């Protein structure tokens, strides 16, 4: 059996054909909440996101570039969308700035984090909040999340109906993580 056709895959994945002047052949992309972006637009957004992340850390480009083994002029090309960033270089920048790649990528492609802008913003807010918890709190949260039904695990397709039944487990896990008994005492 041959499986789904090329067109069926495109439809199934929710892709649209785009003729990008920087790419010789047609490519297929998801829309960024209704807007199809060309690769040049995406590269500009990556550059802006990089610059914003560096600025938030208050690290001058002249100090960051040598940490990456680059001259200031070469690094400047990344922040001005002259040179394309490799994944390896992105990871190195994230290591040096002590940030998650999500901090760079979310502003560029928020549609990858949700079906609409509100869902994407909510998911990103959760990711940012989780990044600030200690290991024990994260373990408690993970334990709670294991009790929730999701769209994938809920056979009825409605999802999320396990939250109420999981709440007592979550409270118990939080109390344990905080060093108190289930009733809040030490």
C-alpha atoms as a PDB file:
ATOM      1  CA  UNK A   1       0.000   0.000   0.000  1.00  0.00           C
ATOM      2  CA  UNK A   2       1.419   3.395  -1.003  1.00  0.00           C
ATOM      3  CA  UNK A   3      -0.079   5.453   1.823  1.00  0.00           C
ATOM      4  CA  UNK A   4      -1.350   9.003   1.543  1.00  0.00           C
ATOM      5  CA  UNK A   5      -0.467  11.041  -1.518  1.00  0.00           C
ATOM      6  CA  UNK A   6       1.699  14.163  -1.394  1.00  0.00           C
ATOM      7  CA  UNK A   7      -1.429  16.335  -1.627  1.00  0.00           C
ATOM      8  CA  UNK A   8      -3.104  14.387   1.179  1.00  0.00           C
ATOM      9  CA  UNK A   9      -0.083  14.940   3.408  1.00  0.00           C
ATOM     10  CA  UNK A  10      -0.136  18.663   2.680  1.00  0.00           C
ATOM     11  CA  UNK A  11      -3.816  18.832   3.552  1.00  0.00           C
ATOM     12  CA  UNK A  12      -3.399  16.666   6.662  1.00  0.00           C
ATOM     13  CA  UNK A  13      -0.527  18.828   7.940  1.00  0.00           C
ATOM     14  CA  UNK A  14      -2.423  22.073   7.272  1.00  0.00           C
ATOM     15  CA  UNK A  15       0.203  23.439   4.896  1.00  0.00           C
ATOM     16  CA  UNK A  16      -0.114  25.966   2.107  1.00  0.00           C
ATOM     17  CA  UNK A  17       2.102  26.325  -0.928  1.00  0.00           C
ATOM     18  CA  UNK A  18       4.252  29.408  -0.967  1.00  0.00           C
ATOM     19  CA  UNK A  19       6.462  30.674  -3.771  1.00  0.00           C
ATOM     20  CA  UNK A  20       9.388  32.215  -1.952  1.00  0.00           C
ATOM     21  CA  UNK A  21      11.739  34.255  -4.162  1.00  0.00           C
ATOM     22  CA  UNK A  22      14.735  33.023  -2.109  1.00  0.00           C
ATOM     23  CA  UNK A  23      13.884  29.366  -2.775  1.00  0.00           C
ATOM     24  CA  UNK A  24      13.907  27.895  -6.285  1.00  0.00           C
ATOM     25  CA  UNK A  25      11.015  25.488  -5.775  1.00  0.00           C
ATOM     26  CA  UNK A  26       7.602  25.816  -4.151  1.00  0.00           C
ATOM     27  CA  UNK A  27       7.640  25.180  -0.404  1.00  0.00           C
ATOM     28  CA  UNK A  28       4.818  24.387   1.986  1.00  0.00           C
ATOM     29  CA  UNK A  29       4.309  26.256   5.233  1.00  0.00           C
ATOM     30  CA  UNK A  30       1.752  26.818   7.959  1.00  0.00           C
ATOM     31  CA  UNK A  31       0.355  30.282   8.297  1.00  0.00           C
ATOM     32  CA  UNK A  32       1.409  32.532  11.153  1.00  0.00           C
ATOM     33  CA  UNK A  33      -2.170  33.108  12.340  1.00  0.00           C
ATOM     34  CA  UNK A  34      -3.458  33.738   8.845  1.00  0.00           C
ATOM     35  CA  UNK A  35      -0.340  35.226   7.284  1.00  0.00           C
ATOM     36  CA  UNK A  36       2.146  33.339   5.133  1.00  0.00           C
ATOM     37  CA  UNK A  37       5.649  34.689   5.634  1.00  0.00           C
ATOM     38  CA  UNK A  38       8.546  34.512   3.217  1.00  0.00           C
ATOM     39  CA  UNK A  39      11.941  33.337   4.405  1.00  0.00           C
ATOM     40  CA  UNK A  40      13.380  36.890   4.284  1.00  0.00           C
ATOM     41  CA  UNK A  41      10.681  38.065   6.714  1.00  0.00           C
ATOM     42  CA  UNK A  42      11.435  35.164   9.032  1.00  0.00           C
ATOM     43  CA  UNK A  43      15.174  35.918   8.939  1.00  0.00           C
ATOM     44  CA  UNK A  44      14.466  39.552   9.884  1.00  0.00           C
ATOM     45  CA  UNK A  45      12.325  38.415  12.812  1.00  0.00           C
ATOM     46  CA  UNK A  46      15.086  36.041  13.987  1.00  0.00           C
ATOM     47  CA  UNK A  47      17.585  38.901  13.830  1.00  0.00           C
ATOM     48  CA  UNK A  48      15.305  41.176  15.837  1.00  0.00           C
ATOM     49  CA  UNK A  49      14.654  38.443  18.369  1.00  0.00           C
ATOM     50  CA  UNK A  50      18.400  37.828  18.768  1.00  0.00           C
ATOM     51  CA  UNK A  51      19.101  41.512  19.289  1.00  0.00           C
ATOM     52  CA  UNK A  52      16.243  41.824  21.793  1.00  0.00           C
ATOM     53  CA  UNK A  53      17.493  38.818  23.803  1.00  0.00           C
ATOM     54  CA  UNK A  54      21.009  40.295  23.930  1.00  0.00           C
ATOM     55  CA  UNK A  55      19.651  43.723  24.883  1.00  0.00           C
ATOM     56  CA  UNK A  56      17.533  42.225  27.701  1.00  0.00           C
ATOM     57  CA  UNK A  57      20.746  40.735  29.136  1.00  0.00           C
ATOM     58  CA  UNK A  58      22.480  44.126  28.692  1.00  0.00           C
ATOM     59  CA  UNK A  59      25.451  42.478  26.975  1.00  0.00           C
ATOM     60  CA  UNK A  60      27.089  44.657  24.316  1.00  0.00           C
ATOM     61  CA  UNK A  61      27.561  43.002  20.932  1.00  0.00           C
ATOM     62  CA  UNK A  62      31.315  43.726  21.222  1.00  0.00           C
ATOM     63  CA  UNK A  63      31.431  41.532  24.370  1.00  0.00           C
ATOM     64  CA  UNK A  64      29.120  38.766  23.139  1.00  0.00           C
ATOM     65  CA  UNK A  65      30.795  38.218  19.765  1.00  0.00           C
ATOM     66  CA  UNK A  66      34.177  37.053  21.162  1.00  0.00           C
ATOM     67  CA  UNK A  67      32.367  34.723  23.609  1.00  0.00           C
ATOM     68  CA  UNK A  68      31.031  32.999  20.469  1.00  0.00           C
ATOM     69  CA  UNK A  69      34.436  32.994  18.767  1.00  0.00           C
ATOM     70  CA  UNK A  70      33.287  35.683  16.313  1.00  0.00           C
ATOM     71  CA  UNK A  71      34.313  39.192  15.447  1.00  0.00           C
ATOM     72  CA  UNK A  72      31.853  41.980  16.192  1.00  0.00           C
ATOM     73  CA  UNK A  73      31.337  42.470  12.444  1.00  0.00           C
ATOM     74  CA  UNK A  74      30.476  38.800  11.842  1.00  0.00           C
ATOM     75  CA  UNK A  75      28.032  38.661  14.766  1.00  0.00           C
ATOM     76  CA  UNK A  76      26.486  41.916  13.551  1.00  0.00           C
ATOM     77  CA  UNK A  77      25.489  40.094  10.347  1.00  0.00           C
ATOM     78  CA  UNK A  78      23.256  37.774  12.392  1.00  0.00           C
ATOM     79  CA  UNK A  79      21.512  40.670  14.103  1.00  0.00           C
ATOM     80  CA  UNK A  80      20.966  42.439  10.780  1.00  0.00           C
ATOM     81  CA  UNK A  81      19.673  39.424   8.794  1.00  0.00           C
ATOM     82  CA  UNK A  82      22.674  39.449   6.468  1.00  0.00           C
ATOM     83  CA  UNK A  83      23.825  35.957   7.528  1.00  0.00           C
ATOM     84  CA  UNK A  84      21.547  33.057   8.374  1.00  0.00           C
ATOM     85  CA  UNK A  85      21.863  31.556  11.817  1.00  0.00           C
ATOM     86  CA  UNK A  86      22.628  27.826  12.033  1.00  0.00           C
ATOM     87  CA  UNK A  87      20.990  25.714  14.726  1.00  0.00           C
ATOM     88  CA  UNK A  88      24.409  25.064  16.246  1.00  0.00           C
ATOM     89  CA  UNK A  89      25.137  28.798  16.448  1.00  0.00           C
ATOM     90  CA  UNK A  90      21.668  29.448  17.913  1.00  0.00           C
ATOM     91  CA  UNK A  91      22.347  26.885  20.653  1.00  0.00           C
ATOM     92  CA  UNK A  92      25.752  28.442  21.380  1.00  0.00           C
ATOM     93  CA  UNK A  93      24.171  31.907  21.671  1.00  0.00           C
ATOM     94  CA  UNK A  94      21.518  30.485  24.014  1.00  0.00           C
ATOM     95  CA  UNK A  95      24.223  28.873  26.174  1.00  0.00           C
ATOM     96  CA  UNK A  96      26.195  32.100  26.437  1.00  0.00           C
ATOM     97  CA  UNK A  97      23.109  34.235  27.154  1.00  0.00           C
ATOM     98  CA  UNK A  98      21.675  31.574  29.517  1.00  0.00           C
ATOM     99  CA  UNK A  99      18.361  31.506  27.675  1.00  0.00           C
ATOM    100  CA  UNK A 100      16.120  28.908  26.101  1.00  0.00           C
ATOM    101  CA  UNK A 101      15.870  28.764  22.300  1.00  0.00           C
ATOM    102  CA  UNK A 102      12.151  29.361  22.871  1.00  0.00           C
ATOM    103  CA  UNK A 103      12.978  32.945  23.844  1.00  0.00           C
ATOM    104  CA  UNK A 104      14.400  33.480  20.341  1.00  0.00           C
ATOM    105  CA  UNK A 105      11.929  31.366  18.369  1.00  0.00           C
ATOM    106  CA  UNK A 106       8.564  32.213  19.947  1.00  0.00           C
ATOM    107  CA  UNK A 107       8.515  35.842  18.724  1.00  0.00           C
ATOM    108  CA  UNK A 108       9.403  34.581  15.238  1.00  0.00           C
ATOM    109  CA  UNK A 109       6.787  31.817  14.968  1.00  0.00           C
ATOM    110  CA  UNK A 110       4.164  32.005  17.739  1.00  0.00           C
ATOM    111  CA  UNK A 111       1.805  29.882  15.627  1.00  0.00           C
ATOM    112  CA  UNK A 112       3.940  26.861  16.551  1.00  0.00           C
ATOM    113  CA  UNK A 113       2.789  27.240  20.176  1.00  0.00           C
ATOM    114  CA  UNK A 114      -0.987  27.296  19.674  1.00  0.00           C
ATOM    115  CA  UNK A 115      -3.929  27.149  17.337  1.00  0.00           C
ATOM    116  CA  UNK A 116      -4.615  30.851  17.869  1.00  0.00           C
ATOM    117  CA  UNK A 117      -2.803  33.852  19.344  1.00  0.00           C
ATOM    118  CA  UNK A 118      -4.441  33.500  22.771  1.00  0.00           C
ATOM    119  CA  UNK A 119      -3.506  29.817  23.090  1.00  0.00           C
ATOM    120  CA  UNK A 120       0.063  30.535  21.967  1.00  0.00           C
ATOM    121  CA  UNK A 121       0.414  33.373  24.494  1.00  0.00           C
ATOM    122  CA  UNK A 122      -0.982  31.180  27.276  1.00  0.00           C
ATOM    123  CA  UNK A 123       1.379  28.329  26.430  1.00  0.00           C
ATOM    124  CA  UNK A 124       4.353  30.708  26.337  1.00  0.00           C
ATOM    125  CA  UNK A 125       3.371  32.267  29.673  1.00  0.00           C
ATOM    126  CA  UNK A 126       3.290  28.775  31.184  1.00  0.00           C
ATOM    127  CA  UNK A 127       6.725  27.948  29.732  1.00  0.00           C
ATOM    128  CA  UNK A 128       8.155  31.184  31.158  1.00  0.00           C
ATOM    129  CA  UNK A 129       6.622  30.500  34.566  1.00  0.00           C
ATOM    130  CA  UNK A 130       7.904  26.890  34.632  1.00  0.00           C
ATOM    131  CA  UNK A 131      11.440  28.079  33.873  1.00  0.00           C
ATOM    132  CA  UNK A 132      11.556  29.778  37.288  1.00  0.00           C
ATOM    133  CA  UNK A 133      10.528  26.812  39.458  1.00  0.00           C
ATOM    134  CA  UNK A 134      12.951  24.600  41.368  1.00  0.00           C
ATOM    135  CA  UNK A 135      13.288  20.875  40.664  1.00  0.00           C
ATOM    136  CA  UNK A 136      10.939  19.696  43.418  1.00  0.00           C
ATOM    137  CA  UNK A 137       8.180  22.030  42.301  1.00  0.00           C
ATOM    138  CA  UNK A 138       8.629  20.881  38.713  1.00  0.00           C
ATOM    139  CA  UNK A 139       8.318  17.254  39.867  1.00  0.00           C
ATOM    140  CA  UNK A 140       5.056  18.110  41.643  1.00  0.00           C
ATOM    141  CA  UNK A 141       3.725  19.864  38.559  1.00  0.00           C
ATOM    142  CA  UNK A 142       4.718  16.918  36.350  1.00  0.00           C
ATOM    143  CA  UNK A 143       2.974  14.523  38.713  1.00  0.00           C
ATOM    144  CA  UNK A 144      -0.176  16.641  38.461  1.00  0.00           C
ATOM    145  CA  UNK A 145       0.069  16.817  34.665  1.00  0.00           C
ATOM    146  CA  UNK A 146       0.307  13.025  34.426  1.00  0.00           C
ATOM    147  CA  UNK A 147      -3.179  12.862  35.940  1.00  0.00           C
ATOM    148  CA  UNK A 148      -4.719  15.177  33.379  1.00  0.00           C
ATOM    149  CA  UNK A 149      -6.346  13.913  30.237  1.00  0.00           C
ATOM    150  CA  UNK A 150      -5.168  15.575  27.064  1.00  0.00           C
ATOM    151  CA  UNK A 151      -6.539  15.807  23.573  1.00  0.00           C
ATOM    152  CA  UNK A 152      -4.376  12.809  22.635  1.00  0.00           C
ATOM    153  CA  UNK A 153      -5.364  10.585  25.587  1.00  0.00           C
ATOM    154  CA  UNK A 154      -9.033  11.492  25.903  1.00  0.00           C
ATOM    155  CA  UNK A 155     -10.942   9.072  23.694  1.00  0.00           C
ATOM    156  CA  UNK A 156     -13.954  11.378  23.556  1.00  0.00           C
ATOM    157  CA  UNK A 157     -11.798  14.105  22.052  1.00  0.00           C
ATOM    158  CA  UNK A 158     -12.875  16.754  24.545  1.00  0.00           C
ATOM    159  CA  UNK A 159      -9.662  16.682  26.586  1.00  0.00           C
ATOM    160  CA  UNK A 160      -8.755  18.360  29.852  1.00  0.00           C
ATOM    161  CA  UNK A 161     -11.582  16.768  31.870  1.00  0.00           C
ATOM    162  CA  UNK A 162      -9.111  15.153  34.283  1.00  0.00           C
ATOM    163  CA  UNK A 163      -8.169  18.384  36.058  1.00  0.00           C
ATOM    164  CA  UNK A 164     -10.723  18.144  38.859  1.00  0.00           C
ATOM    165  CA  UNK A 165      -9.873  14.553  39.728  1.00  0.00           C
ATOM    166  CA  UNK A 166      -6.143  15.319  39.608  1.00  0.00           C
ATOM    167  CA  UNK A 167      -6.344  18.336  41.945  1.00  0.00           C
ATOM    168  CA  UNK A 168      -5.996  16.348  45.224  1.00  0.00           C
ATOM    169  CA  UNK A 169      -2.879  14.601  43.836  1.00  0.00           C
ATOM    170  CA  UNK A 170      -1.424  17.958  42.874  1.00  0.00           C
ATOM    171  CA  UNK A 171      -2.018  19.452  46.314  1.00  0.00           C
ATOM    172  CA  UNK A 172      -0.395  16.445  47.981  1.00  0.00           C
ATOM    173  CA  UNK A 173       2.621  16.680  45.667  1.00  0.00           C
ATOM    174  CA  UNK A 174       3.001  20.412  46.344  1.00  0.00           C
ATOM    175  CA  UNK A 175       2.898  19.851  50.096  1.00  0.00           C
ATOM    176  CA  UNK A 176       5.554  17.122  49.816  1.00  0.00           C
ATOM    177  CA  UNK A 177       7.711  19.358  47.613  1.00  0.00           C
ATOM    178  CA  UNK A 178       7.394  22.166  50.176  1.00  0.00           C
ATOM    179  CA  UNK A 179       8.351  19.833  53.026  1.00  0.00           C
ATOM    180  CA  UNK A 180       4.938  19.815  54.709  1.00  0.00           C
ATOM    181  CA  UNK A 181       2.445  17.048  55.259  1.00  0.00           C
ATOM    182  CA  UNK A 182      -0.658  16.687  53.103  1.00  0.00           C
ATOM    183  CA  UNK A 183      -2.636  18.970  55.425  1.00  0.00           C
ATOM    184  CA  UNK A 184      -0.075  21.790  55.270  1.00  0.00           C
ATOM    185  CA  UNK A 185       1.748  21.153  58.586  1.00  0.00           C
ATOM    186  CA  UNK A 186       5.515  20.677  58.930  1.00  0.00           C
END
